N, C-alpha and C. Protein backbone atom coordinates (compact mmCIF):
# COMPACT_ATOMS: atom_id res chain seq x y z
N MET A 1 15.70 -5.14 10.35
CA MET A 1 16.12 -4.95 8.68
C MET A 1 15.70 -3.66 8.64
N ASP A 2 16.34 -3.40 7.59
CA ASP A 2 15.62 -1.27 6.75
C ASP A 2 14.80 -1.82 6.66
N THR A 3 14.32 -0.13 7.46
CA THR A 3 12.93 0.15 6.43
C THR A 3 11.96 1.33 6.48
N ILE A 4 11.58 1.51 5.28
CA ILE A 4 10.98 3.12 5.23
C ILE A 4 9.54 2.99 5.11
N PHE A 5 8.56 4.01 6.11
CA PHE A 5 7.22 3.36 6.36
C PHE A 5 6.50 4.43 5.66
N ILE A 6 5.45 5.02 4.91
CA ILE A 6 4.31 5.76 5.02
C ILE A 6 3.81 5.18 5.44
N ARG A 7 2.89 6.30 6.25
CA ARG A 7 1.49 6.07 7.77
C ARG A 7 0.77 7.28 7.09
N GLN A 8 -0.18 6.90 7.18
CA GLN A 8 -1.94 7.50 6.56
C GLN A 8 -1.85 8.47 5.36
N LEU A 9 -1.59 7.15 4.09
CA LEU A 9 -1.77 7.57 3.60
C LEU A 9 -3.33 7.64 2.78
N ARG A 10 -3.99 8.68 2.47
CA ARG A 10 -5.33 8.63 2.11
C ARG A 10 -5.39 8.73 0.85
N LEU A 11 -6.11 7.76 -0.05
CA LEU A 11 -5.77 8.19 -1.66
C LEU A 11 -7.43 7.34 -1.66
N GLN A 12 -8.32 7.20 -2.99
CA GLN A 12 -9.09 7.10 -2.76
C GLN A 12 -9.60 6.19 -3.50
N ALA A 13 -10.12 5.67 -4.15
CA ALA A 13 -9.56 3.81 -3.96
C ALA A 13 -11.88 3.74 -4.27
N TRP A 14 -11.87 2.26 -5.85
CA TRP A 14 -12.56 2.06 -6.08
C TRP A 14 -12.89 0.10 -4.76
N ILE A 15 -12.82 0.59 -3.99
CA ILE A 15 -13.45 -0.37 -3.15
C ILE A 15 -14.62 -1.00 -2.77
N GLY A 16 -15.09 -2.46 -2.40
CA GLY A 16 -16.62 -2.91 -2.00
C GLY A 16 -17.09 -3.05 -2.95
N LEU A 17 -18.01 -4.63 -2.31
CA LEU A 17 -18.84 -5.45 -2.99
C LEU A 17 -20.28 -4.94 -2.87
N TYR A 18 -20.89 -4.13 -1.25
CA TYR A 18 -21.65 -3.53 -1.36
C TYR A 18 -21.95 -2.29 -2.67
N ARG A 19 -23.47 -2.71 -3.03
CA ARG A 19 -24.05 -1.28 -3.78
C ARG A 19 -23.67 0.06 -3.65
N HIS A 20 -23.69 0.40 -2.54
CA HIS A 20 -23.24 1.69 -2.41
C HIS A 20 -21.96 1.37 -2.15
N GLU A 21 -20.50 1.55 -1.96
CA GLU A 21 -20.08 1.47 -2.30
C GLU A 21 -19.54 1.23 -3.36
N LYS A 22 -20.42 0.74 -4.57
CA LYS A 22 -19.79 0.42 -6.20
C LYS A 22 -20.36 2.11 -6.60
N ILE A 23 -21.21 2.72 -6.60
CA ILE A 23 -21.48 4.09 -6.68
C ILE A 23 -20.43 5.24 -6.84
N ALA A 24 -19.66 4.86 -6.53
CA ALA A 24 -18.41 6.19 -5.63
C ALA A 24 -17.26 5.58 -4.92
N PRO A 25 -16.56 6.22 -5.27
CA PRO A 25 -14.85 5.38 -5.33
C PRO A 25 -15.04 6.40 -3.45
N GLN A 26 -14.16 6.02 -2.43
CA GLN A 26 -13.93 6.10 -1.30
C GLN A 26 -12.91 6.07 -0.63
N THR A 27 -12.58 6.86 0.10
CA THR A 27 -11.28 7.64 0.53
C THR A 27 -11.34 6.31 1.61
N ILE A 28 -10.48 4.83 1.11
CA ILE A 28 -8.90 4.16 1.74
C ILE A 28 -7.77 5.07 2.91
N GLU A 29 -7.22 4.22 4.31
CA GLU A 29 -5.94 5.12 4.09
C GLU A 29 -4.64 3.73 4.56
N ILE A 30 -3.89 3.99 3.60
CA ILE A 30 -2.89 2.56 4.10
C ILE A 30 -1.37 3.10 5.17
N ASP A 31 -1.44 1.88 4.82
CA ASP A 31 0.24 2.11 6.10
C ASP A 31 1.18 1.03 5.50
N LEU A 32 2.74 1.53 5.08
CA LEU A 32 3.06 0.79 4.53
C LEU A 32 4.68 0.65 4.77
N GLU A 33 4.85 -0.59 5.06
CA GLU A 33 6.89 -0.52 5.82
C GLU A 33 7.00 -1.51 4.60
N ILE A 34 8.52 -0.99 4.17
CA ILE A 34 8.41 -1.33 2.97
C ILE A 34 10.90 -1.92 3.69
N ALA A 35 10.77 -2.75 3.34
CA ALA A 35 12.32 -3.45 3.33
C ALA A 35 13.55 -3.07 2.78
N LEU A 36 14.25 -2.52 3.05
CA LEU A 36 15.79 -1.77 2.00
C LEU A 36 15.61 -3.26 0.88
N PRO A 37 16.33 -2.57 -0.10
CA PRO A 37 16.31 -3.96 -0.76
C PRO A 37 18.27 -4.00 -0.38
N GLY A 38 18.85 -3.09 0.59
CA GLY A 38 20.30 -3.32 1.02
C GLY A 38 20.27 -2.68 1.45
N ASP A 39 22.21 -1.87 1.70
CA ASP A 39 22.40 -1.43 2.54
C ASP A 39 23.02 -0.22 2.18
N ALA A 40 23.25 -0.39 0.91
CA ALA A 40 23.87 0.98 0.30
C ALA A 40 23.66 1.93 0.29
N VAL A 41 22.78 2.57 0.37
CA VAL A 41 21.87 3.53 0.19
C VAL A 41 23.32 4.60 1.99
N PHE A 42 23.45 3.87 2.88
CA PHE A 42 23.82 4.77 4.05
C PHE A 42 25.42 4.95 3.48
N LYS A 43 26.48 3.94 2.79
CA LYS A 43 26.75 4.65 1.84
C LYS A 43 27.69 5.64 1.20
N THR A 44 26.49 5.30 0.35
CA THR A 44 26.36 6.68 -1.24
C THR A 44 25.73 7.54 -0.86
N GLN A 45 24.77 7.82 -0.10
CA GLN A 45 23.40 8.47 -0.65
C GLN A 45 22.60 9.20 -1.43
N LYS A 46 23.53 8.15 -1.98
CA LYS A 46 22.18 8.65 -3.63
C LYS A 46 21.18 7.59 -3.36
N VAL A 47 19.24 8.30 -3.54
CA VAL A 47 18.19 7.73 -3.69
C VAL A 47 17.72 6.63 -4.66
N ALA A 48 19.13 6.39 -5.74
CA ALA A 48 19.45 5.37 -6.40
C ALA A 48 19.16 3.92 -6.07
N ASP A 49 20.02 4.58 -4.83
CA ASP A 49 19.74 2.96 -3.81
C ASP A 49 19.44 2.41 -2.64
N THR A 50 17.58 3.30 -2.87
CA THR A 50 16.75 2.95 -1.81
C THR A 50 15.49 3.42 -1.99
N ILE A 51 14.23 2.99 -1.46
CA ILE A 51 13.13 2.92 -2.73
C ILE A 51 12.58 4.70 -2.08
N ASP A 52 12.05 5.09 -3.15
CA ASP A 52 12.04 6.38 -3.45
C ASP A 52 10.67 6.39 -3.07
N TYR A 53 9.92 7.36 -1.30
CA TYR A 53 8.61 7.06 -0.74
C TYR A 53 7.18 7.44 -2.61
N GLY A 54 7.54 8.93 -3.59
CA GLY A 54 7.00 9.28 -4.02
C GLY A 54 7.33 8.15 -5.18
N VAL A 55 7.78 7.82 -6.00
CA VAL A 55 7.45 6.83 -6.60
C VAL A 55 6.70 4.91 -6.03
N VAL A 56 6.45 5.40 -4.37
CA VAL A 56 6.11 3.79 -4.07
C VAL A 56 4.21 5.11 -4.15
N VAL A 57 4.58 5.90 -3.74
CA VAL A 57 2.99 6.68 -3.80
C VAL A 57 2.86 6.72 -5.38
N GLU A 58 3.46 6.57 -6.26
CA GLU A 58 3.08 7.33 -8.34
C GLU A 58 2.31 5.55 -8.28
N HIS A 59 3.75 4.64 -7.86
CA HIS A 59 2.81 2.76 -8.33
C HIS A 59 1.75 2.65 -7.67
N VAL A 60 1.49 3.08 -6.00
CA VAL A 60 -0.05 2.61 -5.51
C VAL A 60 -1.22 3.55 -5.89
N ARG A 61 -0.88 5.21 -6.16
CA ARG A 61 -2.45 6.15 -7.73
C ARG A 61 -2.42 5.22 -8.67
N GLY A 62 -0.99 5.09 -9.30
CA GLY A 62 -1.50 3.99 -10.75
C GLY A 62 -2.39 3.14 -10.71
N LEU A 63 -2.02 1.44 -9.87
CA LEU A 63 -3.12 0.81 -9.47
C LEU A 63 -4.70 1.39 -9.23
N LEU A 64 -4.59 1.72 -7.88
CA LEU A 64 -6.32 2.74 -7.64
C LEU A 64 -6.56 2.84 -8.79
N ALA A 65 -5.93 3.79 -9.94
CA ALA A 65 -6.43 4.15 -10.89
C ALA A 65 -6.95 3.47 -11.65
N LYS A 66 -6.42 2.23 -12.15
CA LYS A 66 -6.31 1.22 -13.18
C LYS A 66 -7.13 0.32 -13.07
N GLU A 67 -7.39 -0.46 -11.43
CA GLU A 67 -9.08 -1.37 -10.87
C GLU A 67 -9.68 -0.80 -10.60
N ARG A 68 -11.19 -1.65 -9.79
CA ARG A 68 -11.95 -1.74 -8.70
C ARG A 68 -11.43 -2.89 -7.82
N PHE A 69 -11.48 -3.14 -6.64
CA PHE A 69 -11.82 -4.31 -5.85
C PHE A 69 -12.93 -4.12 -4.94
N GLY A 70 -13.12 -5.29 -4.55
CA GLY A 70 -13.78 -6.29 -3.96
C GLY A 70 -13.36 -6.26 -2.43
N LEU A 71 -12.92 -6.70 -2.40
CA LEU A 71 -12.22 -6.58 -1.15
C LEU A 71 -11.07 -5.65 -0.24
N VAL A 72 -11.03 -5.49 -0.13
CA VAL A 72 -9.11 -4.33 0.27
C VAL A 72 -7.94 -5.52 0.98
N GLU A 73 -8.73 -7.16 0.99
CA GLU A 73 -7.14 -8.01 1.18
C GLU A 73 -6.71 -8.42 0.32
N THR A 74 -8.13 -8.41 -1.26
CA THR A 74 -7.27 -8.00 -2.49
C THR A 74 -6.71 -6.54 -3.03
N LEU A 75 -6.66 -5.81 -2.70
CA LEU A 75 -5.77 -4.70 -2.94
C LEU A 75 -4.81 -4.62 -1.35
N ALA A 76 -4.67 -5.02 -0.91
CA ALA A 76 -3.31 -5.67 0.07
C ALA A 76 -2.19 -5.36 -0.18
N GLU A 77 -2.44 -6.72 -0.94
CA GLU A 77 -2.29 -8.69 -1.47
C GLU A 77 -1.68 -8.08 -2.80
N ARG A 78 -2.32 -7.23 -3.67
CA ARG A 78 -2.21 -6.04 -4.29
C ARG A 78 -0.66 -5.12 -4.66
N ILE A 79 -0.53 -4.40 -3.89
CA ILE A 79 0.06 -3.69 -3.87
C ILE A 79 1.38 -3.86 -2.93
N ALA A 80 1.41 -5.36 -2.22
CA ALA A 80 2.87 -6.51 -1.71
C ALA A 80 2.62 -6.59 -2.97
N GLY A 81 2.97 -6.47 -3.74
CA GLY A 81 3.23 -7.62 -5.18
C GLY A 81 3.72 -6.38 -6.33
N LEU A 82 3.16 -5.13 -5.88
CA LEU A 82 3.81 -4.35 -7.44
C LEU A 82 5.36 -3.90 -5.66
N LEU A 83 5.51 -3.73 -5.22
CA LEU A 83 6.18 -3.75 -4.00
C LEU A 83 7.40 -4.45 -4.07
N LEU A 84 7.03 -5.48 -4.28
CA LEU A 84 8.56 -6.69 -3.90
C LEU A 84 8.60 -6.81 -5.51
N ARG A 85 7.60 -7.26 -6.08
CA ARG A 85 8.12 -7.34 -8.22
C ARG A 85 9.06 -5.92 -7.99
N ASP A 86 8.33 -4.40 -8.60
CA ASP A 86 8.48 -3.94 -9.06
C ASP A 86 9.69 -2.53 -8.33
N LEU A 87 9.19 -2.32 -7.33
CA LEU A 87 10.64 -1.64 -6.05
C LEU A 87 11.77 -2.56 -6.01
N LYS A 88 11.50 -4.22 -5.71
CA LYS A 88 12.25 -5.05 -5.06
C LYS A 88 12.28 -5.02 -3.70
N SER A 89 11.55 -4.38 -3.27
CA SER A 89 11.24 -4.93 -1.99
C SER A 89 11.64 -6.47 -1.27
N PRO A 90 13.31 -6.58 0.25
CA PRO A 90 12.61 -8.21 -0.07
C PRO A 90 11.04 -8.08 0.81
N ARG A 91 11.32 -7.18 1.85
CA ARG A 91 9.91 -7.61 2.63
C ARG A 91 8.89 -6.15 2.79
N VAL A 92 7.84 -6.30 3.01
CA VAL A 92 6.45 -5.10 2.91
C VAL A 92 5.57 -5.59 3.56
N LYS A 93 4.86 -5.06 4.16
CA LYS A 93 4.23 -4.42 5.95
C LYS A 93 2.41 -3.52 4.63
N VAL A 94 1.67 -4.56 4.38
CA VAL A 94 1.12 -3.19 4.18
C VAL A 94 -0.77 -3.94 5.27
N SER A 95 -1.39 -2.42 5.52
CA SER A 95 -1.98 -1.96 6.23
C SER A 95 -2.92 -1.12 5.50
N ILE A 96 -4.37 -1.93 5.61
CA ILE A 96 -5.28 -0.83 4.85
C ILE A 96 -6.78 -0.56 5.62
N ALA A 97 -7.01 0.70 5.65
CA ALA A 97 -7.97 0.02 6.14
C ALA A 97 -9.42 1.44 5.40
N LYS A 98 -10.57 1.16 5.76
CA LYS A 98 -11.82 1.87 4.97
C LYS A 98 -12.20 2.48 6.31
N LEU A 99 -12.69 4.04 5.62
CA LEU A 99 -12.96 4.77 6.54
C LEU A 99 -13.91 4.72 6.98
N GLY A 100 -14.45 4.94 8.47
CA GLY A 100 -16.32 5.71 8.75
C GLY A 100 -17.03 3.90 7.97
N VAL A 101 -16.90 2.29 8.01
CA VAL A 101 -17.23 2.20 8.14
C VAL A 101 -18.64 1.63 8.46
N LEU A 102 -18.16 1.66 9.47
CA LEU A 102 -18.69 1.10 10.86
C LEU A 102 -19.74 2.35 11.66
N ARG A 103 -20.63 2.47 12.53
CA ARG A 103 -20.53 3.24 12.55
C ARG A 103 -20.02 3.52 14.07
N GLU A 104 -20.06 1.27 14.80
CA GLU A 104 -18.76 1.53 16.14
C GLU A 104 -16.74 1.60 15.43
N ALA A 105 -16.58 2.34 14.67
CA ALA A 105 -14.98 1.99 14.60
C ALA A 105 -14.94 2.93 12.78
N GLN A 106 -13.60 3.33 13.70
CA GLN A 106 -13.24 4.47 12.39
C GLN A 106 -12.34 4.18 12.20
N ARG A 107 -12.18 3.03 12.04
CA ARG A 107 -11.78 2.86 10.83
C ARG A 107 -11.82 0.28 10.42
N VAL A 108 -11.36 -0.07 9.76
CA VAL A 108 -12.42 -1.44 9.74
C VAL A 108 -10.53 -1.77 8.30
N GLY A 109 -9.95 -2.84 8.44
CA GLY A 109 -9.33 -3.27 7.11
C GLY A 109 -8.44 -4.24 6.97
N VAL A 110 -7.41 -4.54 6.83
CA VAL A 110 -6.56 -5.81 6.89
C VAL A 110 -4.81 -5.20 6.78
N THR A 111 -3.80 -6.00 7.44
CA THR A 111 -2.67 -5.99 7.22
C THR A 111 -1.64 -7.03 7.49
N ILE A 112 -0.76 -7.49 5.33
CA ILE A 112 -0.66 -8.37 5.47
C ILE A 112 0.60 -8.00 4.86
N GLU A 113 1.39 -9.43 5.50
CA GLU A 113 2.84 -8.94 5.63
C GLU A 113 3.63 -11.00 4.52
N ARG A 114 4.40 -10.00 3.17
CA ARG A 114 4.67 -10.70 2.10
C ARG A 114 6.69 -10.28 2.29
N SER A 115 6.98 -11.99 1.29
CA SER A 115 8.27 -11.96 1.54
C SER A 115 8.95 -11.94 0.22
N ARG A 116 9.64 -11.42 -0.79
CA ARG A 116 9.92 -12.04 -1.81
C ARG A 116 10.67 -13.12 -1.45
N SER A 117 9.75 -14.93 -2.40
CA SER A 117 11.31 -15.57 -2.66
C SER A 117 12.40 -15.71 -3.21
């Protein structure tokens, strides 16, 4: 399956369950693998036949601006849903990392994979 990817997308998000996480947004890092809806783009070379990276980032930014999330898992699920539903991808892989949460680790987070049924 052909995919586009976005790596190390760093955005601000209101995310977390703990008191100190609710007083300010924090930087998260997102990696996305988004399956193309078909192979037409290889023939037409038109952005309308693929998934536009800029549109993906715009959708994710919009989601982060509208909502607060307790769990990274919930945010990953919401991003996967909008990519499947709004951008018509047949399959997505979403990884989200919180940076500097544990002294012993640079990142902690979650990776999920979802498909359209």
